[in-house]
């Protein structure tokens, strides 16, 4: 190999390393804000490492007086906008144009309330959540909207979906919920966060590890909207100190992130302590043979789920659609120790230990 060839190889290698390093360690993220009266949509590009703010072009919504509640970025760096009435728009980076893609309502003429959470995976899908706690998916290639299911009624979307190391999370009004994409009703509370208005969240891939960030909205002493950036320690489930405050009313955030999934699930953290609440009760007869016999004074209309788990937290059988919950068929389920949980519309969960002995 000649000396010139070797120099060209080294040059190409260095350029490749520089490009990859720049891509991996990019700390840029985008936010959408709402300002003024009437409301005006604005988008800015921020950076984790400094306080720079770069104003971006914004798609104009087709519906009058409609505001964007969140944004998302796909693997090609196209930006997507979701409006509060569920309208989806795309701003293409290749040709710099704004396109209306459709409505997240999968039933024509049916409104699902305000949709306030949007994210993109590293493939071909967008995910949205909001009105009536429904998780929606949009196929970028085919333009098809679909309904994946409903997260538990005890949870309320705060304002953003985000991926973190191949798992999907939702900011709620009280913290973070891990989404079970295969069965959203089995989504798992992840951690509590005691901050107001958790409207925005995203993740950054630093190459060897990822970090998750959230933004909380509040009003300062001058009665102006501000948004504060925090890092979230997802491993230890702890909220870090405030990184920076922005003089904006931020409603959503997004960053290009490649560690995503289309079917991630989670195992709920189950209490092993048996419980009842106030004057309401759920009792069971142990051991159970072919049926679990339940005794309760709860009205069937108030019960949203009743499920049987093993001791590892794996769902064994879902009885939620059974009309007669006083007698639950367990034929075919191996003998052993289990947990039966019953959840109600007011957010209470009753847990009972079950011994199956055929």
Protein backbone atom coordinates (compact mmCIF):
# COMPACT_ATOMS: atom_id res chain seq x y z
CA UNK A 1 0.00 0.00 0.00
CA UNK A 2 1.38 3.39 -0.98
CA UNK A 3 2.01 6.26 1.38
CA UNK A 4 -0.68 8.31 -0.41
CA UNK A 5 -3.27 5.51 -0.02
CA UNK A 6 -2.53 5.25 3.70
CA UNK A 7 -3.01 9.02 4.13
CA UNK A 8 -6.35 8.86 2.32
CA UNK A 9 -7.53 5.99 4.57
CA UNK A 10 -6.50 7.86 7.71
CA UNK A 11 -8.21 11.00 6.45
CA UNK A 12 -11.44 9.12 5.73
CA UNK A 13 -11.31 7.43 9.13
CA UNK A 14 -10.87 10.73 10.95
CA UNK A 15 -13.75 12.33 9.05
CA UNK A 16 -15.97 9.33 9.83
CA UNK A 17 -15.06 9.44 13.52
CA UNK A 18 -15.72 13.17 13.67
CA UNK A 19 -19.12 12.77 11.99
CA UNK A 20 -20.19 9.90 14.24
CA UNK A 21 -18.99 11.68 17.37
CA UNK A 22 -20.91 14.79 16.39
CA UNK A 23 -24.04 12.72 15.77
CA UNK A 24 -23.80 10.68 18.95
CA UNK A 25 -23.03 13.54 21.30
CA UNK A 26 -25.45 16.07 19.83
CA UNK A 27 -27.23 17.71 22.76
CA UNK A 28 -29.76 19.71 20.77
CA UNK A 29 -33.46 19.52 21.48
CA UNK A 30 -36.51 21.39 20.26
CA UNK A 31 -39.40 22.91 22.19
CA UNK A 32 -42.74 24.37 21.21
CA UNK A 33 -44.08 27.34 23.11
CA UNK A 34 -47.33 29.27 23.27
CA UNK A 35 -47.23 33.02 23.75
CA UNK A 36 -49.43 36.09 23.46
CA UNK A 37 -53.14 36.62 23.07
CA UNK A 38 -54.39 35.31 20.75
CA UNK A 39 -52.05 32.37 21.19
CA UNK A 40 -49.02 32.19 18.89
CA UNK A 41 -47.10 28.95 18.22
CA UNK A 42 -43.31 29.22 18.38
CA UNK A 43 -40.52 26.62 18.12
CA UNK A 44 -36.97 26.98 19.40
CA UNK A 45 -33.82 24.88 19.20
CA UNK A 46 -32.04 24.62 22.56
CA UNK A 47 -28.90 22.87 23.76
CA UNK A 48 -28.36 20.96 27.00
CA UNK A 49 -24.83 22.33 27.43
CA UNK A 50 -25.59 26.04 27.07
CA UNK A 51 -28.36 28.64 27.08
CA UNK A 52 -28.54 29.32 23.34
CA UNK A 53 -31.99 29.74 21.76
CA UNK A 54 -32.51 29.56 18.00
CA UNK A 55 -35.96 30.37 16.62
CA UNK A 56 -37.31 27.87 14.05
CA UNK A 57 -39.91 27.98 11.29
CA UNK A 58 -43.35 26.81 12.41
CA UNK A 59 -46.13 25.10 10.46
CA UNK A 60 -49.31 27.15 10.49
CA UNK A 61 -52.26 25.07 11.74
CA UNK A 62 -55.25 24.92 9.41
CA UNK A 63 -57.77 25.20 12.25
CA UNK A 64 -58.37 28.74 13.46
CA UNK A 65 -57.11 29.55 16.96
CA UNK A 66 -55.62 26.07 17.31
CA UNK A 67 -52.43 25.70 19.38
CA UNK A 68 -49.75 23.02 19.22
CA UNK A 69 -49.48 20.94 22.37
CA UNK A 70 -46.38 18.89 21.46
CA UNK A 71 -43.78 18.16 18.80
CA UNK A 72 -41.75 15.12 17.68
CA UNK A 73 -38.69 14.50 15.49
CA UNK A 74 -38.24 11.39 13.34
CA UNK A 75 -34.98 9.68 12.30
CA UNK A 76 -34.77 11.94 9.22
CA UNK A 77 -35.07 15.07 11.38
CA UNK A 78 -38.54 15.94 10.11
CA UNK A 79 -40.55 17.79 12.75
CA UNK A 80 -44.15 16.81 13.55
CA UNK A 81 -46.70 18.96 15.37
CA UNK A 82 -49.83 17.84 17.20
CA UNK A 83 -52.57 20.39 17.84
CA UNK A 84 -54.84 20.36 20.84
CA UNK A 85 -57.76 19.11 18.73
CA UNK A 86 -55.69 16.21 17.37
CA UNK A 87 -54.51 17.55 14.01
CA UNK A 88 -51.09 16.28 12.87
CA UNK A 89 -48.68 18.27 10.73
CA UNK A 90 -45.24 17.55 9.28
CA UNK A 91 -42.47 20.00 8.48
CA UNK A 92 -40.05 18.35 6.08
CA UNK A 93 -36.39 19.27 6.46
CA UNK A 94 -35.68 18.13 2.90
CA UNK A 95 -38.02 20.54 1.08
CA UNK A 96 -39.00 22.96 3.89
CA UNK A 97 -42.74 22.68 3.55
CA UNK A 98 -45.64 22.12 5.92
CA UNK A 99 -48.07 19.26 5.32
CA UNK A 100 -51.32 18.38 7.08
CA UNK A 101 -51.31 14.61 7.69
CA UNK A 102 -54.69 14.00 9.27
CA UNK A 103 -56.54 13.62 12.57
CA UNK A 104 -55.71 11.21 15.37
CA UNK A 105 -59.39 10.35 15.73
CA UNK A 106 -59.61 6.80 14.31
CA UNK A 107 -63.40 7.14 14.13
CA UNK A 108 -64.58 9.89 11.75
CA UNK A 109 -66.57 12.53 13.55
CA UNK A 110 -65.59 11.32 17.03
CA UNK A 111 -63.60 13.71 19.20
CA UNK A 112 -61.21 12.34 21.84
CA UNK A 113 -60.53 15.52 23.77
CA UNK A 114 -57.21 17.37 23.86
CA UNK A 115 -54.26 15.29 22.62
CA UNK A 116 -51.20 16.69 24.36
CA UNK A 117 -48.42 14.09 24.03
CA UNK A 118 -46.43 13.13 20.91
CA UNK A 119 -43.18 11.29 20.13
CA UNK A 120 -41.50 9.45 17.26
CA UNK A 121 -39.58 6.20 17.24
CA UNK A 122 -36.45 5.54 15.17
CA UNK A 123 -38.51 3.67 12.58
CA UNK A 124 -41.75 4.65 10.92
CA UNK A 125 -44.17 5.45 13.74
CA UNK A 126 -45.44 8.37 15.78
CA UNK A 127 -47.26 7.90 19.09
CA UNK A 128 -49.77 10.27 20.67
CA UNK A 129 -51.79 10.26 23.87
CA UNK A 130 -54.28 12.55 25.49
CA UNK A 131 -58.06 12.64 25.39
CA UNK A 132 -59.74 9.64 27.06
CA UNK A 133 -56.28 8.17 27.83
CA UNK A 134 -56.05 6.49 24.41
CA UNK A 135 -52.62 5.65 22.98
CA UNK A 136 -52.59 6.29 19.22
CA UNK A 137 -50.06 5.34 16.57
CA UNK A 138 -49.44 6.90 13.16
CA UNK A 139 -47.61 5.03 10.38
CA UNK A 140 -45.41 7.55 8.57
CA UNK A 141 -45.13 5.31 5.48
CA UNK A 142 -48.80 4.45 4.99
CA UNK A 143 -50.50 7.41 6.67
CA UNK A 144 -52.66 5.06 8.77
CA UNK A 145 -53.81 6.08 12.28
CA UNK A 146 -54.54 3.31 14.78
CA UNK A 147 -55.76 2.94 18.35
CA UNK A 148 -53.42 0.81 20.50
CA UNK A 149 -55.51 0.83 23.67
CA UNK A 150 -56.12 2.83 26.81
CA UNK A 151 -53.83 3.53 29.76
CA UNK A 152 -55.30 3.15 33.28
CA UNK A 153 -57.98 5.71 34.21
CA UNK A 154 -56.03 6.54 37.36
CA UNK A 155 -53.37 8.21 35.18
CA UNK A 156 -53.67 11.59 33.43
CA UNK A 157 -51.32 12.64 30.65
CA UNK A 158 -49.29 15.68 31.63
CA UNK A 159 -47.99 16.60 28.22
CA UNK A 160 -45.30 14.40 26.65
CA UNK A 161 -44.27 10.92 25.58
CA UNK A 162 -40.58 10.02 25.33
CA UNK A 163 -38.43 6.96 24.76
CA UNK A 164 -35.59 5.99 27.06
CA UNK A 165 -33.41 2.97 26.19
CA UNK A 166 -36.08 1.13 24.17
CA UNK A 167 -38.90 1.83 26.63
CA UNK A 168 -41.75 4.31 26.22
CA UNK A 169 -42.67 6.71 29.03
CA UNK A 170 -45.41 9.27 29.62
CA UNK A 171 -45.24 12.40 31.75
CA UNK A 172 -48.39 12.44 33.85
CA UNK A 173 -49.80 15.06 36.21
CA UNK A 174 -48.06 13.27 39.10
CA UNK A 175 -44.85 11.82 37.61
CA UNK A 176 -43.78 9.25 35.02
CA UNK A 177 -45.73 6.24 33.73
CA UNK A 178 -44.01 3.45 31.79
CA UNK A 179 -46.18 2.50 28.81
CA UNK A 180 -46.90 -1.13 28.06
CA UNK A 181 -47.12 -0.81 24.28
CA UNK A 182 -48.48 -4.34 23.85
CA UNK A 183 -51.31 -3.65 26.29
CA UNK A 184 -51.54 0.00 27.41
CA UNK A 185 -54.01 -0.90 30.18
CA UNK A 186 -51.11 -2.77 31.83
CA UNK A 187 -48.87 0.32 31.91
CA UNK A 188 -46.80 0.70 35.07
CA UNK A 189 -46.31 3.68 37.42
CA UNK A 190 -42.57 4.43 37.22
CA UNK A 191 -41.85 7.29 39.61
CA UNK A 192 -43.53 10.22 41.32
CA UNK A 193 -42.39 13.76 40.54
CA UNK A 194 -43.73 16.61 42.64
CA UNK A 195 -43.43 19.45 40.14
CA UNK A 196 -46.14 21.55 38.49
CA UNK A 197 -47.20 21.16 34.86
CA UNK A 198 -44.93 18.42 33.52
CA UNK A 199 -45.50 19.34 29.90
CA UNK A 200 -42.25 18.30 28.17
CA UNK A 201 -39.79 15.39 28.19
CA UNK A 202 -37.12 13.89 25.93
CA UNK A 203 -33.95 11.76 25.95
CA UNK A 204 -30.42 12.27 24.65
CA UNK A 205 -28.15 9.40 23.58
CA UNK A 206 -24.56 10.15 24.65
CA UNK A 207 -23.14 7.03 22.99
CA UNK A 208 -22.33 4.94 26.06
CA UNK A 209 -25.45 5.95 27.97
CA UNK A 210 -28.64 7.98 27.75
CA UNK A 211 -30.06 10.75 29.85
CA UNK A 212 -33.68 11.79 30.21
CA UNK A 213 -34.82 15.38 30.74
CA UNK A 214 -38.09 17.04 31.68
CA UNK A 215 -39.39 20.60 31.75
CA UNK A 216 -41.78 21.95 34.37
CA UNK A 217 -43.84 25.11 33.87
CA UNK A 218 -44.54 27.73 36.51
CA UNK A 219 -45.03 31.48 36.98
CA UNK A 220 -42.28 33.67 38.44
CA UNK A 221 -42.56 36.61 40.84
CA UNK A 222 -43.19 38.95 37.89
CA UNK A 223 -46.18 36.81 36.88
CA UNK A 224 -44.41 35.58 33.74
CA UNK A 225 -44.41 31.99 32.48
CA UNK A 226 -41.11 30.18 32.90
CA UNK A 227 -40.01 26.60 32.19
CA UNK A 228 -37.31 24.81 34.18
CA UNK A 229 -35.13 22.01 32.78
CA UNK A 230 -34.25 19.01 34.98
CA UNK A 231 -32.34 15.78 34.41
CA UNK A 232 -34.07 12.59 35.58
CA UNK A 233 -31.99 9.69 36.89
CA UNK A 234 -34.04 6.91 35.32
CA UNK A 235 -31.90 4.15 36.87
CA UNK A 236 -32.32 5.26 40.48
CA UNK A 237 -35.67 6.99 39.86
CA UNK A 238 -34.52 10.33 41.21
CA UNK A 239 -35.02 13.90 40.05
CA UNK A 240 -31.85 15.92 39.62
CA UNK A 241 -31.27 19.59 40.36
CA UNK A 242 -32.56 22.28 38.01
CA UNK A 243 -30.21 22.79 35.05
CA UNK A 244 -31.62 25.98 33.54
CA UNK A 245 -34.72 28.16 33.39
CA UNK A 246 -36.22 29.48 30.15
CA UNK A 247 -38.46 32.53 29.85
CA UNK A 248 -40.97 30.60 27.79
CA UNK A 249 -44.25 28.80 28.29
CA UNK A 250 -43.03 25.43 26.95
CA UNK A 251 -45.70 22.90 26.03
CA UNK A 252 -43.63 20.10 24.49
CA UNK A 253 -40.10 18.98 23.64
CA UNK A 254 -38.37 16.57 21.30
CA UNK A 255 -34.90 15.34 20.39
CA UNK A 256 -33.63 12.90 17.79
CA UNK A 257 -33.29 9.61 19.70
CA UNK A 258 -32.56 6.17 18.26
CA UNK A 259 -33.10 3.78 21.19
CA UNK A 260 -36.78 3.06 20.61
CA UNK A 261 -39.20 0.14 20.37
CA UNK A 262 -42.58 -0.73 18.89
CA UNK A 263 -43.65 -3.28 21.52
CA UNK A 264 -41.94 -2.55 24.83
CA UNK A 265 -43.79 -3.75 27.91
CA UNK A 266 -43.37 -3.50 31.65
CA UNK A 267 -44.02 -5.51 34.78
CA UNK A 268 -46.16 -3.66 37.32
CA UNK A 269 -44.80 -3.20 40.83
CA UNK A 270 -47.37 -5.03 42.91
CA UNK A 271 -47.97 -4.58 46.57
CA UNK A 272 -47.90 -7.89 48.40
CA UNK A 273 -49.82 -6.38 51.32
CA UNK A 274 -53.51 -7.23 51.44
CA UNK A 275 -55.74 -4.20 51.83
CA UNK A 276 -59.25 -2.79 52.02
CA UNK A 277 -60.38 0.86 52.00
CA UNK A 278 -62.76 2.51 54.45
CA UNK A 279 -66.09 0.67 54.35
CA UNK A 280 -65.36 -1.05 51.04
CA UNK A 281 -63.88 -4.53 50.98
CA UNK A 282 -62.68 -7.36 48.76
CA UNK A 283 -62.34 -10.78 50.35
CA UNK A 284 -61.42 -14.14 48.81
CA UNK A 285 -61.70 -17.76 49.89
CA UNK A 286 -58.40 -19.67 50.10
CA UNK A 287 -57.30 -22.08 48.87
CA UNK A 288 -58.98 -21.86 45.46
CA UNK A 289 -59.47 -24.96 43.33
CA UNK A 290 -61.33 -24.43 40.05
CA UNK A 291 -62.62 -20.94 40.83
CA UNK A 292 -61.63 -17.90 42.87
CA UNK A 293 -64.59 -16.97 45.05
CA UNK A 294 -64.66 -13.21 45.74
CA UNK A 295 -66.81 -11.33 48.21
CA UNK A 296 -67.10 -7.56 47.77
CA UNK A 297 -69.52 -4.70 48.30
CA UNK A 298 -68.09 -2.74 45.36
CA UNK A 299 -70.46 -2.03 42.48
CA UNK A 300 -69.51 -3.72 39.21
CA UNK A 301 -69.87 -0.39 37.40
CA UNK A 302 -67.09 1.08 39.59
CA UNK A 303 -64.59 -1.72 38.82
CA UNK A 304 -62.29 -1.15 35.82
CA UNK A 305 -59.96 -4.15 36.16
CA UNK A 306 -59.49 -7.40 38.03
CA UNK A 307 -56.35 -9.38 37.25
CA UNK A 308 -54.32 -12.34 38.49
CA UNK A 309 -50.51 -12.07 38.67
CA UNK A 310 -47.77 -14.48 39.68
CA UNK A 311 -45.17 -13.51 42.29
CA UNK A 312 -42.88 -12.09 39.58
CA UNK A 313 -45.53 -9.58 38.58
CA UNK A 314 -46.42 -11.34 35.32
CA UNK A 315 -50.05 -11.15 34.25
CA UNK A 316 -51.54 -14.65 34.36
CA UNK A 317 -55.19 -13.93 33.59
CA UNK A 318 -57.31 -10.82 33.03
CA UNK A 319 -60.86 -11.03 34.38
CA UNK A 320 -61.69 -7.36 33.67
CA UNK A 321 -64.43 -8.16 31.14
CA UNK A 322 -66.13 -10.76 33.34
CA UNK A 323 -69.58 -9.70 34.48
CA UNK A 324 -69.62 -12.13 37.40
CA UNK A 325 -66.46 -11.23 39.31
CA UNK A 326 -67.64 -13.15 42.40
CA UNK A 327 -66.63 -16.42 40.70
CA UNK A 328 -63.48 -16.41 38.55
CA UNK A 329 -62.53 -19.48 36.53
CA UNK A 330 -58.90 -20.60 37.08
CA UNK A 331 -58.92 -23.99 35.37
CA UNK A 332 -55.58 -24.58 33.63
CA UNK A 333 -53.64 -22.29 35.93
CA UNK A 334 -50.94 -24.24 37.81
CA UNK A 335 -51.15 -24.61 41.57
CA UNK A 336 -49.15 -22.00 43.47
CA UNK A 337 -49.26 -18.57 45.08
CA UNK A 338 -50.66 -15.57 43.19
CA UNK A 339 -51.88 -11.99 43.67
CA UNK A 340 -55.35 -10.84 42.67
CA UNK A 341 -55.74 -7.08 42.09
CA UNK A 342 -58.96 -5.13 41.65
CA UNK A 343 -58.87 -1.49 40.52
CA UNK A 344 -61.70 1.04 40.64
CA UNK A 345 -62.55 4.23 38.77
CA UNK A 346 -61.51 6.38 41.73
CA UNK A 347 -57.93 5.08 41.54
CA UNK A 348 -58.00 2.54 44.38
CA UNK A 349 -56.39 -0.89 43.96
CA UNK A 350 -57.28 -3.83 46.21
CA UNK A 351 -54.77 -6.68 46.51
CA UNK A 352 -55.43 -10.21 47.78
CA UNK A 353 -53.13 -13.21 48.05
CA UNK A 354 -54.45 -16.27 46.26
CA UNK A 355 -53.42 -19.87 46.91
CA UNK A 356 -54.40 -22.15 44.04
CA UNK A 357 -54.44 -25.81 44.98
CA UNK A 358 -56.13 -28.05 42.41
